[in-house]
N, C-alpha and C. Protein backbone atom coordinates (compact mmCIF):
# COMPACT_ATOMS: atom_id res chain seq x y z
N MET A 1 26.83 8.40 58.50
CA MET A 1 26.63 7.37 57.43
C MET A 1 25.82 6.09 57.76
N GLU A 2 25.03 5.63 56.66
CA GLU A 2 24.43 4.10 56.84
C GLU A 2 24.49 3.75 55.54
N LYS A 3 24.37 2.34 55.97
CA LYS A 3 24.71 1.33 54.43
C LYS A 3 23.17 1.11 53.59
N ASN A 4 22.92 1.28 52.92
CA ASN A 4 21.55 0.68 52.38
C ASN A 4 21.36 -0.19 51.84
N ASP A 5 20.55 -1.12 50.98
CA ASP A 5 20.01 -2.28 50.81
C ASP A 5 21.26 -2.73 49.99
N GLY A 6 21.25 -2.01 48.89
CA GLY A 6 22.53 -2.64 48.21
C GLY A 6 24.02 -2.90 48.85
N GLN A 7 24.33 -2.60 50.37
CA GLN A 7 25.36 -2.21 50.80
C GLN A 7 26.62 -1.53 50.27
N GLN A 8 25.74 -0.36 49.84
CA GLN A 8 26.63 0.44 49.48
C GLN A 8 26.49 1.45 50.70
N LEU A 9 27.57 2.44 51.25
CA LEU A 9 27.66 3.41 51.84
C LEU A 9 26.92 4.74 51.26
N LYS A 10 25.78 5.02 52.00
CA LYS A 10 25.19 6.40 52.22
C LYS A 10 25.55 7.57 53.07
N VAL A 11 26.11 8.83 52.16
CA VAL A 11 26.25 9.45 52.84
C VAL A 11 24.94 10.82 53.29
N SER A 12 24.98 11.43 54.37
CA SER A 12 23.51 12.22 54.59
C SER A 12 23.74 12.86 53.92
N ALA A 13 22.81 13.47 53.38
CA ALA A 13 22.57 14.87 52.82
C ALA A 13 22.84 16.53 53.49
N ILE A 14 23.29 17.41 53.18
CA ILE A 14 23.46 18.54 53.99
C ILE A 14 22.13 19.33 53.59
N LYS A 15 21.83 20.54 54.20
CA LYS A 15 20.62 21.57 54.08
C LYS A 15 21.26 22.87 53.32
N ASP A 16 22.34 23.23 53.86
CA ASP A 16 23.00 24.51 53.39
C ASP A 16 24.74 24.19 53.66
N GLY A 17 25.57 24.77 53.10
CA GLY A 17 27.22 23.79 53.08
C GLY A 17 27.95 23.79 51.69
N THR A 18 28.67 23.44 52.79
CA THR A 18 30.02 23.09 51.43
C THR A 18 29.99 21.47 50.76
N VAL A 19 30.11 20.94 50.15
CA VAL A 19 30.44 19.80 49.86
C VAL A 19 32.38 19.69 48.91
N LEU A 20 33.54 19.56 49.33
CA LEU A 20 33.60 19.08 48.94
C LEU A 20 34.27 17.40 48.57
N ASP A 21 34.54 17.48 47.44
CA ASP A 21 34.50 15.88 46.52
C ASP A 21 35.49 15.64 45.72
N HIS A 22 35.72 14.13 45.62
CA HIS A 22 36.84 13.99 44.48
C HIS A 22 38.32 14.58 45.03
N ILE A 23 38.16 14.29 46.47
CA ILE A 23 39.64 14.67 47.26
C ILE A 23 40.24 13.03 46.99
N PRO A 24 41.78 13.50 46.56
CA PRO A 24 42.55 11.97 46.88
C PRO A 24 42.49 11.79 47.86
N SER A 25 42.11 10.55 48.80
CA SER A 25 41.79 9.78 49.91
C SER A 25 43.39 9.69 50.65
N SER A 26 44.74 10.03 50.51
CA SER A 26 45.47 10.77 51.30
C SER A 26 45.68 11.93 51.37
N GLN A 27 44.41 12.44 50.98
CA GLN A 27 45.21 14.25 51.16
C GLN A 27 44.04 14.92 51.93
N VAL A 28 42.46 13.98 52.53
CA VAL A 28 42.07 14.31 53.25
C VAL A 28 41.90 15.35 54.62
N PHE A 29 42.84 14.40 55.05
CA PHE A 29 43.52 15.59 56.62
C PHE A 29 44.31 16.26 56.48
N LYS A 30 45.19 16.53 55.69
CA LYS A 30 45.26 17.81 55.18
C LYS A 30 44.52 18.72 55.00
N VAL A 31 43.71 18.70 53.77
CA VAL A 31 42.40 19.29 53.78
C VAL A 31 41.64 20.11 54.88
N ILE A 32 41.78 19.19 55.54
CA ILE A 32 41.10 19.30 57.06
C ILE A 32 41.59 20.44 57.72
N ASP A 33 43.14 19.96 57.57
CA ASP A 33 43.85 20.76 58.28
C ASP A 33 43.86 22.16 57.93
N ILE A 34 44.02 22.43 56.15
CA ILE A 34 44.44 23.81 56.07
C ILE A 34 43.05 24.47 55.97
N LEU A 35 41.89 24.29 55.82
CA LEU A 35 40.18 24.65 55.87
C LEU A 35 40.60 24.79 57.12
N GLY A 36 40.90 24.99 58.25
CA GLY A 36 40.69 24.87 59.65
C GLY A 36 39.69 24.14 60.47
N LEU A 37 38.99 22.88 60.05
CA LEU A 37 38.05 22.07 60.43
C LEU A 37 38.01 21.45 61.38
N SER A 38 38.83 20.92 61.93
CA SER A 38 38.74 20.07 62.95
C SER A 38 38.22 20.78 64.40
N GLY A 39 38.45 21.86 64.33
CA GLY A 39 37.74 23.04 65.04
C GLY A 39 36.66 23.67 65.32
N SER A 40 36.11 23.43 63.89
CA SER A 40 34.70 24.00 63.47
C SER A 40 33.75 23.79 64.10
N GLU A 41 32.77 24.47 64.41
CA GLU A 41 31.68 25.22 65.50
C GLU A 41 30.55 23.92 64.55
N HIS A 42 30.39 24.39 63.02
CA HIS A 42 29.42 23.55 62.54
C HIS A 42 29.72 22.23 62.26
N PRO A 43 28.99 21.06 61.89
CA PRO A 43 28.97 19.65 61.37
C PRO A 43 29.98 19.45 60.25
N VAL A 44 31.05 18.47 60.66
CA VAL A 44 31.89 18.17 59.67
C VAL A 44 31.36 16.71 58.99
N THR A 45 31.06 16.24 57.81
CA THR A 45 31.20 15.10 57.93
C THR A 45 32.48 14.56 56.63
N PHE A 46 33.31 13.58 56.66
CA PHE A 46 34.52 13.12 55.62
C PHE A 46 34.32 12.04 55.73
N GLY A 47 34.79 11.05 54.90
CA GLY A 47 34.71 9.93 53.99
C GLY A 47 36.00 9.92 52.92
N VAL A 48 37.40 8.42 53.55
CA VAL A 48 37.96 8.22 52.65
C VAL A 48 38.05 6.82 52.33
N ASN A 49 38.50 6.30 51.36
CA ASN A 49 39.13 5.21 50.53
C ASN A 49 37.28 5.17 49.79
N LEU A 50 36.47 5.79 49.56
CA LEU A 50 35.35 5.90 48.90
C LEU A 50 35.35 5.50 47.25
N ASP A 51 34.18 4.45 46.90
CA ASP A 51 34.78 4.09 45.31
C ASP A 51 34.56 5.28 44.97
N SER A 52 35.19 5.29 43.56
CA SER A 52 35.14 6.34 42.41
C SER A 52 34.93 5.83 41.27
N LYS A 53 34.77 6.24 40.24
CA LYS A 53 34.31 5.69 39.15
C LYS A 53 35.76 6.54 38.27
N SER A 54 35.73 7.76 38.44
CA SER A 54 37.05 8.29 37.73
C SER A 54 38.47 8.06 38.41
N MET A 55 38.11 8.14 39.74
CA MET A 55 39.50 7.76 40.52
C MET A 55 39.51 6.70 41.30
N GLY A 56 38.70 5.80 40.72
CA GLY A 56 39.28 4.60 42.15
C GLY A 56 38.55 4.31 43.63
N ARG A 57 39.69 5.66 44.00
CA ARG A 57 39.22 5.79 45.87
C ARG A 57 39.53 7.57 45.49
N LYS A 58 38.35 7.62 46.32
CA LYS A 58 38.43 9.49 46.49
C LYS A 58 38.14 8.95 47.93
N GLY A 59 38.16 10.91 48.45
CA GLY A 59 37.87 10.95 49.63
C GLY A 59 36.52 12.27 49.56
N ILE A 60 35.95 12.85 50.32
CA ILE A 60 34.77 13.81 50.29
C ILE A 60 34.62 14.50 51.86
N ILE A 61 34.14 15.52 51.63
CA ILE A 61 33.88 16.24 52.83
C ILE A 61 33.16 17.23 52.86
N LYS A 62 31.43 17.12 53.84
CA LYS A 62 30.88 17.40 53.84
C LYS A 62 30.72 18.78 55.42
N ILE A 63 30.62 20.34 55.00
CA ILE A 63 30.74 21.07 55.47
C ILE A 63 29.68 21.67 56.15
N SER A 64 28.48 21.46 56.94
CA SER A 64 27.34 22.16 57.28
C SER A 64 27.37 23.61 57.69
N GLU A 65 26.35 24.61 57.33
CA GLU A 65 26.37 26.06 57.45
C GLU A 65 27.94 26.39 57.21
N ARG A 66 28.19 26.22 56.36
CA ARG A 66 30.07 27.14 56.21
C ARG A 66 29.69 26.84 54.80
N PHE A 67 30.61 28.31 53.91
CA PHE A 67 30.82 28.81 53.12
C PHE A 67 32.31 29.24 52.86
N PHE A 68 32.96 29.14 51.98
CA PHE A 68 34.53 29.65 52.32
C PHE A 68 34.51 30.36 50.91
N ARG A 69 35.27 31.35 50.95
CA ARG A 69 35.88 32.16 50.73
C ARG A 69 36.99 31.73 49.17
N ASP A 70 37.23 31.88 48.29
CA ASP A 70 37.56 31.59 46.73
C ASP A 70 39.23 31.20 47.53
N ASP A 71 40.06 32.09 47.81
CA ASP A 71 40.88 32.21 48.46
C ASP A 71 41.42 31.38 49.50
N GLU A 72 40.28 30.59 50.24
CA GLU A 72 40.46 29.59 50.75
C GLU A 72 40.30 28.08 50.61
N LEU A 73 39.59 28.06 49.51
CA LEU A 73 39.31 27.48 48.75
C LEU A 73 40.77 26.59 47.86
N ASN A 74 41.47 27.87 47.51
CA ASN A 74 42.21 27.86 46.24
C ASN A 74 43.24 27.11 47.56
N LYS A 75 43.77 27.02 48.56
CA LYS A 75 44.71 26.84 48.96
C LYS A 75 44.82 24.96 49.29
N ILE A 76 43.64 24.53 48.82
CA ILE A 76 43.27 23.08 48.70
C ILE A 76 43.99 22.63 47.27
N ALA A 77 43.66 23.39 46.27
CA ALA A 77 44.29 22.86 45.05
C ALA A 77 46.26 22.62 44.91
N LEU A 78 46.35 22.91 45.84
CA LEU A 78 48.19 22.61 45.79
C LEU A 78 47.88 21.51 46.22
N ILE A 79 47.27 20.57 47.13
CA ILE A 79 47.12 19.08 47.05
C ILE A 79 45.91 17.68 46.64
N ALA A 80 45.17 18.95 46.34
CA ALA A 80 43.58 18.00 45.60
C ALA A 80 43.54 18.73 44.42
N PRO A 81 43.97 19.30 43.12
CA PRO A 81 43.87 20.76 41.89
C PRO A 81 42.58 19.95 41.21
N ASN A 82 42.31 18.69 41.19
CA ASN A 82 40.77 18.50 40.63
C ASN A 82 39.94 17.96 41.63
N ALA A 83 39.88 18.41 42.76
CA ALA A 83 38.80 18.40 44.17
C ALA A 83 37.42 19.23 43.80
N SER A 84 36.58 19.08 43.48
CA SER A 84 35.21 19.71 43.23
C SER A 84 34.25 20.28 44.43
N VAL A 85 34.44 21.41 44.20
CA VAL A 85 33.88 22.10 45.22
C VAL A 85 31.59 22.47 44.48
N ASN A 86 30.80 22.18 45.67
CA ASN A 86 29.77 22.24 45.69
C ASN A 86 29.02 22.87 46.82
N ILE A 87 28.18 23.91 46.37
CA ILE A 87 27.75 25.14 47.34
C ILE A 87 26.24 24.31 47.66
N ILE A 88 26.32 23.86 48.35
CA ILE A 88 24.34 23.70 48.88
C ILE A 88 23.93 24.52 49.48
N ARG A 89 22.74 24.69 48.53
CA ARG A 89 21.09 25.50 49.85
C ARG A 89 20.23 24.63 49.48
N ASN A 90 19.70 24.91 50.59
CA ASN A 90 18.13 24.29 50.43
C ASN A 90 18.11 22.22 49.75
N PHE A 91 19.64 21.87 50.37
CA PHE A 91 19.48 20.23 49.65
C PHE A 91 19.57 20.21 48.25
N ARG A 92 19.71 21.64 47.18
CA ARG A 92 20.41 21.51 46.08
C ARG A 92 21.90 21.82 45.93
N VAL A 93 22.42 21.06 44.57
CA VAL A 93 23.84 22.27 44.63
C VAL A 93 23.17 23.49 44.17
N ALA A 94 23.71 24.77 44.71
CA ALA A 94 23.42 25.97 44.04
C ALA A 94 24.70 26.68 42.88
N GLU A 95 25.78 26.23 43.66
CA GLU A 95 27.12 26.83 42.69
C GLU A 95 28.02 25.64 42.70
N LYS A 96 28.78 25.38 41.65
CA LYS A 96 30.10 24.63 41.17
C LYS A 96 30.92 25.42 41.56
N LYS A 97 32.22 25.42 42.27
CA LYS A 97 33.32 26.32 42.02
C LYS A 97 34.51 25.12 41.75
N VAL A 98 35.26 25.64 40.84
CA VAL A 98 36.54 25.20 40.29
C VAL A 98 37.77 25.91 41.03
N LEU A 99 38.45 25.19 41.33
CA LEU A 99 39.65 25.41 42.13
C LEU A 99 40.25 25.94 41.62
N ALA A 100 41.41 27.02 41.64
CA ALA A 100 42.49 27.49 40.91
C ALA A 100 43.83 27.79 42.03
N ILE A 101 45.10 27.26 41.56
CA ILE A 101 45.97 27.53 42.01
C ILE A 101 46.49 28.22 42.22
N PRO A 102 46.74 29.03 43.66
CA PRO A 102 47.15 29.96 43.95
C PRO A 102 48.61 30.49 43.64
N GLU A 103 48.44 31.53 43.09
CA GLU A 103 49.95 32.43 42.75
C GLU A 103 50.85 32.68 43.46
N THR A 104 50.34 32.88 45.05
CA THR A 104 51.50 32.64 46.33
C THR A 104 50.78 31.84 47.44
N VAL A 105 52.17 31.33 47.99
CA VAL A 105 51.23 30.56 49.42
C VAL A 105 52.00 30.73 50.64
N SER A 106 51.53 31.70 51.83
CA SER A 106 52.33 32.23 52.21
C SER A 106 51.51 31.38 54.28
N GLY A 107 52.50 30.91 55.13
CA GLY A 107 52.44 30.21 55.97
C GLY A 107 52.06 28.98 56.65
N MET A 108 51.41 28.17 55.24
CA MET A 108 51.27 26.82 55.06
C MET A 108 51.84 25.82 54.90
N VAL A 109 53.19 26.21 54.46
CA VAL A 109 53.97 25.21 53.83
C VAL A 109 55.49 25.36 53.91
N LYS A 110 56.20 24.84 55.11
CA LYS A 110 57.57 25.03 55.67
C LYS A 110 59.10 24.87 54.12
N CYS A 111 59.63 25.36 54.72
CA CYS A 111 60.51 26.01 53.27
C CYS A 111 61.85 24.24 53.76
N ILE A 112 61.70 23.98 52.46
CA ILE A 112 62.95 22.65 52.88
C ILE A 112 64.43 22.86 53.20
N ASN A 113 64.61 24.10 52.94
CA ASN A 113 65.95 24.51 52.80
C ASN A 113 66.53 24.90 54.36
N PRO A 114 67.31 23.73 55.32
CA PRO A 114 66.95 23.93 56.85
C PRO A 114 68.01 25.24 57.19
N MET A 115 68.86 26.06 56.32
CA MET A 115 69.02 27.63 56.35
C MET A 115 68.25 28.58 56.12
N CYS A 116 67.06 28.61 55.82
CA CYS A 116 66.44 29.20 54.95
C CYS A 116 66.37 30.05 56.71
N VAL A 117 66.01 31.43 56.80
CA VAL A 117 65.52 32.03 57.57
C VAL A 117 64.23 31.52 58.21
N THR A 118 63.12 31.51 57.53
CA THR A 118 61.67 30.92 58.00
C THR A 118 61.88 29.67 59.20
N ASN A 119 63.07 29.25 58.65
CA ASN A 119 63.34 27.81 59.50
C ASN A 119 64.14 28.51 61.20
N HIS A 120 64.45 29.84 60.83
CA HIS A 120 64.91 29.80 62.60
C HIS A 120 64.52 31.44 63.05
N GLU A 121 63.94 31.66 62.65
CA GLU A 121 62.86 33.17 62.83
C GLU A 121 61.50 33.10 63.08
N ASP A 122 60.87 33.86 63.72
CA ASP A 122 59.05 33.85 63.44
C ASP A 122 59.16 34.82 62.28
N ILE A 123 59.29 33.78 61.20
CA ILE A 123 58.71 34.80 59.83
C ILE A 123 57.67 33.64 59.41
N PRO A 124 56.71 34.05 58.61
CA PRO A 124 55.70 32.96 58.19
C PRO A 124 56.73 32.91 56.65
N THR A 125 56.42 31.77 56.37
CA THR A 125 57.03 31.52 55.25
C THR A 125 56.21 31.96 54.00
N LYS A 126 56.68 31.71 53.06
CA LYS A 126 55.77 32.72 51.59
C LYS A 126 56.68 31.94 50.10
N PHE A 127 55.83 31.28 49.30
CA PHE A 127 56.02 30.90 48.29
C PHE A 127 56.03 31.41 47.03
N LYS A 128 55.87 31.51 46.01
CA LYS A 128 55.44 31.41 44.76
C LYS A 128 55.38 29.86 43.85
N THR A 129 54.35 30.46 43.26
CA THR A 129 54.00 28.60 42.46
C THR A 129 54.40 28.62 41.51
N ILE A 130 55.09 27.59 41.03
CA ILE A 130 55.81 27.08 39.84
C ILE A 130 54.69 26.05 39.38
N VAL A 131 54.15 26.14 38.56
CA VAL A 131 53.05 24.67 37.56
C VAL A 131 53.69 24.94 36.49
N LYS A 132 54.29 23.12 36.35
CA LYS A 132 54.93 22.20 35.12
C LYS A 132 54.26 21.44 34.70
N GLY A 133 52.89 21.59 34.08
CA GLY A 133 52.56 20.31 33.62
C GLY A 133 51.53 20.22 34.55
N SER A 134 51.50 19.07 35.03
CA SER A 134 50.52 18.62 36.57
C SER A 134 51.60 18.84 38.16
N GLU A 135 52.72 18.94 37.59
CA GLU A 135 53.50 19.15 39.11
C GLU A 135 53.52 20.72 39.34
N ILE A 136 53.62 20.82 40.88
CA ILE A 136 53.49 21.92 40.81
C ILE A 136 54.66 21.86 42.29
N GLN A 137 55.55 23.07 42.32
CA GLN A 137 56.85 23.58 42.71
C GLN A 137 56.56 24.73 43.35
N LEU A 138 56.89 24.78 45.00
CA LEU A 138 56.92 26.34 45.22
C LEU A 138 58.34 26.86 45.45
N LEU A 139 58.60 28.64 45.30
CA LEU A 139 60.02 28.78 45.04
C LEU A 139 59.75 29.83 45.96
N CYS A 140 60.58 29.46 47.75
CA CYS A 140 60.63 30.41 48.55
C CYS A 140 60.90 31.58 48.23
N HIS A 141 60.29 32.76 48.87
CA HIS A 141 60.67 34.32 48.95
C HIS A 141 61.96 34.24 49.46
N TYR A 142 62.72 33.82 50.02
CA TYR A 142 63.57 33.77 50.95
C TYR A 142 64.64 33.59 50.79
N CYS A 143 65.11 31.78 50.28
CA CYS A 143 66.45 31.57 50.09
C CYS A 143 66.33 30.82 48.51
N GLU A 144 65.10 31.24 47.99
CA GLU A 144 64.86 30.85 46.59
C GLU A 144 65.27 29.15 46.43
N LYS A 145 64.90 28.79 46.92
CA LYS A 145 64.89 27.07 46.75
C LYS A 145 63.57 26.42 46.69
N ILE A 146 63.37 26.08 45.39
CA ILE A 146 62.39 25.20 45.33
C ILE A 146 61.73 23.74 46.15
N THR A 147 60.41 24.38 46.67
CA THR A 147 60.21 22.67 47.20
C THR A 147 59.38 21.45 45.90
N ASP A 148 58.95 20.54 46.20
CA ASP A 148 58.42 20.01 45.40
C ASP A 148 57.07 19.67 46.44
N LEU A 149 56.11 19.41 45.92
CA LEU A 149 54.72 19.19 47.08
C LEU A 149 54.37 17.30 47.38
């Protein structure tokens, strides 16, 4: 990243890879965790609190030479449902993807119920997603408690 003459931050283009844009700034590091990017072998560039006309402030993540399956990307819809996903090939947007909230979420979120079996046994969590307007809730498969994101 560098500043141009107009004192705006300029983010370098990538030749091939994935760009996640319009991520709420507060969620950028969670997206990095969900997609396992901290251990990436490929270059990862991210920015937080960047100016956005539609959001005020936003985050962006660029991953060179890495493409994700839809089920991987849809996991981030839980915390960044309005994020845009652009597939870049030869420095151009080759495809735009729309995120979809997954019907179930496994092993990603902890159940809020301290008595849930997943908090005492080595059992991966499993939730059914419930969408009410712009609110997303998770119904635990084991104890049936509802977790708000």
